[in-house]
């Protein structure tokens, strides 16, 4: 697969934070004592991310096309292209072409540590005593990537290829590919099944991204699939929950203590029953 990357032109400034637990996003690791380096403020583990306004609709899968129909659609598709991102027919009836995938991730992604022997890792080894570390960060907004794929490439393979291009080590099962379409001034979002063919969808819709675009998002299933996480990740989540619980308990105790103090002050300022009001 060949690819090109595009993103926000503005340079990003990150706040570097060190800790022994992950941020609110998913991270992968091999050691419980591993240090993570991430570049975003932490958010509550219990807070659910805001959902997009796009309405999710289960549309039927596109019907298979005959060889003649594919040839005609490829010809029509290439006639509308203003770049060199053409589709090409193969002798076996398959075809190849480019798809553009937009990243709409709300959580940070994890990448492996620097290779052994690099100056960065040598310097880090002196500070951490040789303990492994990994980096988690948020991808810039409006990040997108072009992939050159075959008509036989399925959605799951596209996700794996995207993660590989960005050297993301998170479990591919934590992500899903979505088809975003616009009809009658309404935007619809449909999750692709693992065996759907993104290039086929692109061919049927034409090259116009406004008619159809592909989006990579977190795989929100309504319930967290804890089996998809490693033991270090689960331990990190438990520590995060414990810290949040302690913080909530502290806030509740402080709130009740303040209310008690105000009631006691009000009682002290009130006249006693049967007594005279201070002049």
Protein backbone atom coordinates (compact mmCIF):
# COMPACT_ATOMS: atom_id res chain seq x y z
CA UNK A 1 0.00 0.00 0.00
CA UNK A 2 1.15 3.53 -0.73
CA UNK A 3 -0.01 6.46 1.30
CA UNK A 4 0.10 10.20 1.76
CA UNK A 5 -0.56 12.06 4.99
CA UNK A 6 -2.24 15.39 5.57
CA UNK A 7 -3.10 17.24 8.76
CA UNK A 8 -3.46 20.57 10.40
CA UNK A 9 -0.97 23.15 9.16
CA UNK A 10 -0.70 24.74 12.57
CA UNK A 11 2.03 23.47 14.84
CA UNK A 12 0.76 21.91 18.03
CA UNK A 13 1.97 22.64 21.52
CA UNK A 14 1.77 19.81 24.03
CA UNK A 15 2.05 19.75 27.78
CA UNK A 16 4.43 16.94 28.66
CA UNK A 17 3.45 14.95 31.72
CA UNK A 18 5.10 12.00 33.38
CA UNK A 19 3.20 9.47 35.41
CA UNK A 20 2.87 5.83 36.35
CA UNK A 21 -0.59 5.50 34.86
CA UNK A 22 -2.12 6.13 31.49
CA UNK A 23 -4.17 9.07 30.39
CA UNK A 24 -7.88 8.68 29.77
CA UNK A 25 -7.16 6.96 26.47
CA UNK A 26 -6.07 3.44 25.75
CA UNK A 27 -2.41 2.52 26.02
CA UNK A 28 -0.58 -0.72 25.46
CA UNK A 29 2.27 -1.94 27.57
CA UNK A 30 4.20 -5.00 28.64
CA UNK A 31 5.16 -4.04 32.16
CA UNK A 32 3.16 -2.87 35.14
CA UNK A 33 6.03 -0.64 36.22
CA UNK A 34 6.31 0.95 32.82
CA UNK A 35 6.43 4.72 32.57
CA UNK A 36 4.17 6.49 30.12
CA UNK A 37 4.85 9.81 28.49
CA UNK A 38 1.80 11.62 27.22
CA UNK A 39 1.06 15.11 26.07
CA UNK A 40 -2.48 15.97 27.09
CA UNK A 41 -4.42 16.90 30.17
CA UNK A 42 -6.11 13.96 31.83
CA UNK A 43 -9.86 13.67 31.72
CA UNK A 44 -12.18 11.69 33.93
CA UNK A 45 -12.30 8.00 33.15
CA UNK A 46 -16.00 8.02 33.93
CA UNK A 47 -16.83 10.92 31.65
CA UNK A 48 -18.19 9.71 28.34
CA UNK A 49 -16.93 11.57 25.25
CA UNK A 50 -19.39 13.79 23.47
CA UNK A 51 -21.01 12.06 20.55
CA UNK A 52 -21.08 13.66 17.16
CA UNK A 53 -24.36 15.00 15.89
CA UNK A 54 -24.22 12.59 12.98
CA UNK A 55 -27.15 10.21 12.99
CA UNK A 56 -26.16 6.57 12.79
CA UNK A 57 -28.24 4.63 10.30
CA UNK A 58 -27.82 1.02 9.26
CA UNK A 59 -27.90 1.14 5.49
CA UNK A 60 -27.77 -2.04 3.46
CA UNK A 61 -24.51 -3.17 1.93
CA UNK A 62 -23.89 -2.13 -1.64
CA UNK A 63 -24.77 -4.77 -4.19
CA UNK A 64 -22.08 -6.54 -6.14
CA UNK A 65 -21.39 -5.19 -9.61
CA UNK A 66 -20.83 -7.15 -12.78
CA UNK A 67 -17.53 -6.85 -14.64
CA UNK A 68 -19.20 -4.62 -17.24
CA UNK A 69 -20.67 -2.37 -14.55
CA UNK A 70 -17.30 -2.11 -12.81
CA UNK A 71 -15.58 -1.13 -16.04
CA UNK A 72 -18.19 1.56 -16.69
CA UNK A 73 -18.03 2.94 -13.16
CA UNK A 74 -14.22 3.03 -13.15
CA UNK A 75 -14.32 4.95 -16.44
CA UNK A 76 -16.85 7.43 -15.02
CA UNK A 77 -14.88 7.73 -11.78
CA UNK A 78 -11.59 8.53 -13.51
CA UNK A 79 -13.32 11.12 -15.70
CA UNK A 80 -14.19 13.10 -12.56
CA UNK A 81 -10.71 12.97 -11.01
CA UNK A 82 -8.66 16.18 -11.00
CA UNK A 83 -5.53 14.50 -9.60
CA UNK A 84 -3.52 11.38 -10.28
CA UNK A 85 -5.51 9.26 -7.81
CA UNK A 86 -7.06 7.12 -10.52
CA UNK A 87 -8.58 3.68 -10.25
CA UNK A 88 -7.07 0.91 -12.35
CA UNK A 89 -8.68 -2.28 -13.60
CA UNK A 90 -6.87 -5.61 -13.35
CA UNK A 91 -7.15 -8.56 -15.70
CA UNK A 92 -8.70 -10.72 -12.98
CA UNK A 93 -11.67 -8.36 -12.64
CA UNK A 94 -10.44 -6.63 -9.49
CA UNK A 95 -9.39 -3.00 -9.37
CA UNK A 96 -7.13 -0.77 -7.30
CA UNK A 97 -7.40 2.83 -6.23
CA UNK A 98 -7.05 5.35 -3.43
CA UNK A 99 -9.24 6.00 -0.43
CA UNK A 100 -8.95 8.90 1.98
CA UNK A 101 -9.62 8.21 5.66
CA UNK A 102 -10.25 11.00 8.16
CA UNK A 103 -9.29 10.51 11.80
CA UNK A 104 -11.93 11.47 14.37
CA UNK A 105 -10.38 10.02 17.52
CA UNK A 106 -11.34 11.33 20.95
CA UNK A 107 -8.74 9.35 22.87
CA UNK A 108 -4.95 9.36 22.59
CA UNK A 109 -3.11 6.63 20.73
CA UNK A 110 0.01 4.79 21.87
CA UNK A 111 3.25 4.37 19.96
CA UNK A 112 6.26 2.19 20.86
CA UNK A 113 9.32 3.61 22.64
CA UNK A 114 12.40 4.70 20.64
CA UNK A 115 14.61 1.96 19.31
CA UNK A 116 17.50 0.75 21.41
CA UNK A 117 20.66 2.75 21.08
CA UNK A 118 19.01 6.04 20.16
CA UNK A 119 20.09 9.18 21.97
CA UNK A 120 16.57 9.71 23.28
CA UNK A 121 16.38 6.28 24.86
CA UNK A 122 19.88 6.50 26.33
CA UNK A 123 19.00 9.78 28.02
CA UNK A 124 15.68 8.38 29.22
CA UNK A 125 17.38 5.26 30.57
CA UNK A 126 19.52 7.36 32.86
CA UNK A 127 16.44 9.04 34.34
CA UNK A 128 14.25 5.96 34.71
CA UNK A 129 16.92 3.40 35.51
CA UNK A 130 16.41 1.54 32.25
CA UNK A 131 12.65 1.06 32.77
CA UNK A 132 10.65 0.88 29.55
CA UNK A 133 8.39 3.73 28.61
CA UNK A 134 5.90 4.48 25.87
CA UNK A 135 4.33 7.59 24.41
CA UNK A 136 0.64 8.40 24.09
CA UNK A 137 -0.66 11.46 22.29
CA UNK A 138 -3.70 12.88 20.56
CA UNK A 139 -3.58 12.91 16.78
CA UNK A 140 -3.97 16.43 15.37
CA UNK A 141 -7.44 17.45 14.31
CA UNK A 142 -8.29 17.03 10.63
CA UNK A 143 -5.60 14.38 10.22
CA UNK A 144 -6.22 12.23 7.16
CA UNK A 145 -4.39 9.62 5.16
CA UNK A 146 -4.64 8.27 1.62
CA UNK A 147 -4.21 4.55 1.14
CA UNK A 148 -3.74 2.70 -2.13
CA UNK A 149 -5.76 -0.49 -1.79
CA UNK A 150 -7.46 -3.21 -3.80
CA UNK A 151 -11.15 -3.83 -4.29
CA UNK A 152 -10.58 -6.97 -2.22
CA UNK A 153 -9.18 -5.08 0.79
CA UNK A 154 -11.65 -5.25 3.67
CA UNK A 155 -12.36 -2.63 6.34
CA UNK A 156 -10.43 -4.53 9.02
CA UNK A 157 -7.32 -4.59 6.83
CA UNK A 158 -7.66 -0.85 6.21
CA UNK A 159 -7.74 -0.19 9.97
CA UNK A 160 -4.67 -2.35 10.53
CA UNK A 161 -2.82 -0.58 7.70
CA UNK A 162 -3.66 2.86 9.11
CA UNK A 163 -2.42 1.93 12.57
CA UNK A 164 0.75 0.50 11.07
CA UNK A 165 1.43 3.68 9.09
CA UNK A 166 1.25 5.71 12.30
CA UNK A 167 3.10 2.98 14.29
CA UNK A 168 0.15 2.80 16.68
CA UNK A 169 0.43 -0.23 18.97
CA UNK A 170 -3.16 -0.17 20.27
CA UNK A 171 -5.43 -3.13 19.57
CA UNK A 172 -7.11 -2.70 16.14
CA UNK A 173 -10.33 -3.94 17.73
CA UNK A 174 -10.56 -0.62 19.59
CA UNK A 175 -11.18 1.19 16.29
CA UNK A 176 -13.86 1.08 13.62
CA UNK A 177 -14.25 2.43 10.10
CA UNK A 178 -17.36 4.48 9.36
CA UNK A 179 -19.08 5.56 6.17
CA UNK A 180 -20.20 9.19 6.37
CA UNK A 181 -22.80 10.26 3.81
CA UNK A 182 -24.94 13.32 3.27
CA UNK A 183 -28.49 13.15 1.96
CA UNK A 184 -30.99 16.00 1.78
CA UNK A 185 -28.85 18.22 4.03
CA UNK A 186 -28.67 15.46 6.64
CA UNK A 187 -25.48 13.66 7.64
CA UNK A 188 -25.58 9.92 8.29
CA UNK A 189 -22.91 7.75 9.86
CA UNK A 190 -22.75 3.98 9.35
CA UNK A 191 -20.28 1.59 10.89
CA UNK A 192 -18.68 -0.73 8.35
CA UNK A 193 -18.51 -4.42 9.08
CA UNK A 194 -15.06 -6.01 9.07
CA UNK A 195 -15.60 -7.69 5.69
CA UNK A 196 -16.92 -4.67 3.77
CA UNK A 197 -14.79 -3.32 0.92
CA UNK A 198 -14.09 0.43 1.29
CA UNK A 199 -12.85 0.84 -2.28
CA UNK A 200 -16.12 -0.60 -3.58
CA UNK A 201 -18.01 2.03 -1.57
CA UNK A 202 -15.73 4.72 -2.97
CA UNK A 203 -16.33 3.56 -6.53
CA UNK A 204 -20.13 3.46 -6.14
CA UNK A 205 -20.25 6.92 -4.54
CA UNK A 206 -17.75 8.57 -6.87
CA UNK A 207 -14.73 10.70 -5.91
CA UNK A 208 -16.70 13.47 -4.18
CA UNK A 209 -15.90 13.41 -0.45
CA UNK A 210 -19.07 15.34 0.30
CA UNK A 211 -21.15 12.47 -1.05
CA UNK A 212 -19.22 9.86 0.92
CA UNK A 213 -16.22 9.97 3.22
CA UNK A 214 -14.50 7.35 5.36
CA UNK A 215 -13.85 8.08 9.03
CA UNK A 216 -11.78 6.21 11.61
CA UNK A 217 -13.26 6.43 15.10
CA UNK A 218 -13.20 4.58 18.38
CA UNK A 219 -15.20 1.38 18.31
CA UNK A 220 -18.03 2.42 20.63
CA UNK A 221 -20.21 -0.60 21.32
CA UNK A 222 -22.12 0.78 24.31
CA UNK A 223 -20.24 -1.47 26.73
CA UNK A 224 -16.53 -1.69 27.37
CA UNK A 225 -14.96 -4.93 26.17
CA UNK A 226 -12.53 -5.43 29.03
CA UNK A 227 -11.19 -8.63 27.47
CA UNK A 228 -9.56 -6.50 24.77
CA UNK A 229 -7.19 -4.90 27.30
CA UNK A 230 -3.91 -6.21 28.62
CA UNK A 231 -3.27 -6.71 32.34
CA UNK A 232 -1.14 -3.51 32.68
CA UNK A 233 -3.94 -1.51 31.03
CA UNK A 234 -6.56 -2.96 33.38
CA UNK A 235 -4.39 -2.17 36.41
CA UNK A 236 -3.97 1.39 35.16
CA UNK A 237 -7.74 1.78 34.81
CA UNK A 238 -8.24 0.47 38.36
CA UNK A 239 -5.75 3.04 39.67
CA UNK A 240 -7.50 5.79 37.73
CA UNK A 241 -10.87 4.78 39.16
CA UNK A 242 -9.41 4.69 42.66
CA UNK A 243 -8.02 8.21 42.30
CA UNK A 244 -11.35 9.49 40.98
CA UNK A 245 -13.21 7.78 43.81
CA UNK A 246 -10.91 9.37 46.39
CA UNK A 247 -11.36 12.78 44.77
CA UNK A 248 -15.16 12.45 44.74
CA UNK A 249 -15.20 11.36 48.40
CA UNK A 250 -13.00 14.33 49.30
CA UNK A 251 -15.34 16.75 47.52
CA UNK A 252 -18.42 15.29 49.24
CA UNK A 253 -16.80 15.49 52.69
CA UNK A 254 -15.79 19.10 52.07
CA UNK A 255 -19.28 20.01 50.85
CA UNK A 256 -20.97 18.55 53.92
CA UNK A 257 -18.39 20.10 56.24
CA UNK A 258 -19.07 23.51 54.70
CA UNK A 259 -22.83 23.03 55.04
CA UNK A 260 -22.41 22.00 58.68
CA UNK A 261 -20.29 25.07 59.41
CA UNK A 262 -22.84 27.41 57.85
CA UNK A 263 -25.70 25.83 59.80
CA UNK A 264 -23.75 26.19 63.04
CA UNK A 265 -23.03 29.83 62.24
CA UNK A 266 -26.71 30.41 61.49
CA UNK A 267 -27.69 28.78 64.79
CA UNK A 268 -25.23 30.96 66.71
CA UNK A 269 -26.61 34.12 65.09
CA UNK A 270 -30.25 33.23 65.74
CA UNK A 271 -31.94 34.40 68.99
CA UNK A 272 -32.52 31.71 71.58
CA UNK A 273 -36.17 30.65 72.17
CA UNK A 274 -37.82 32.83 74.84
CA UNK A 275 -34.87 35.18 74.91
CA UNK A 276 -34.75 38.81 73.97
CA UNK A 277 -33.53 40.00 70.64
CA UNK A 278 -30.20 41.81 70.91
CA UNK A 279 -30.69 45.60 70.76
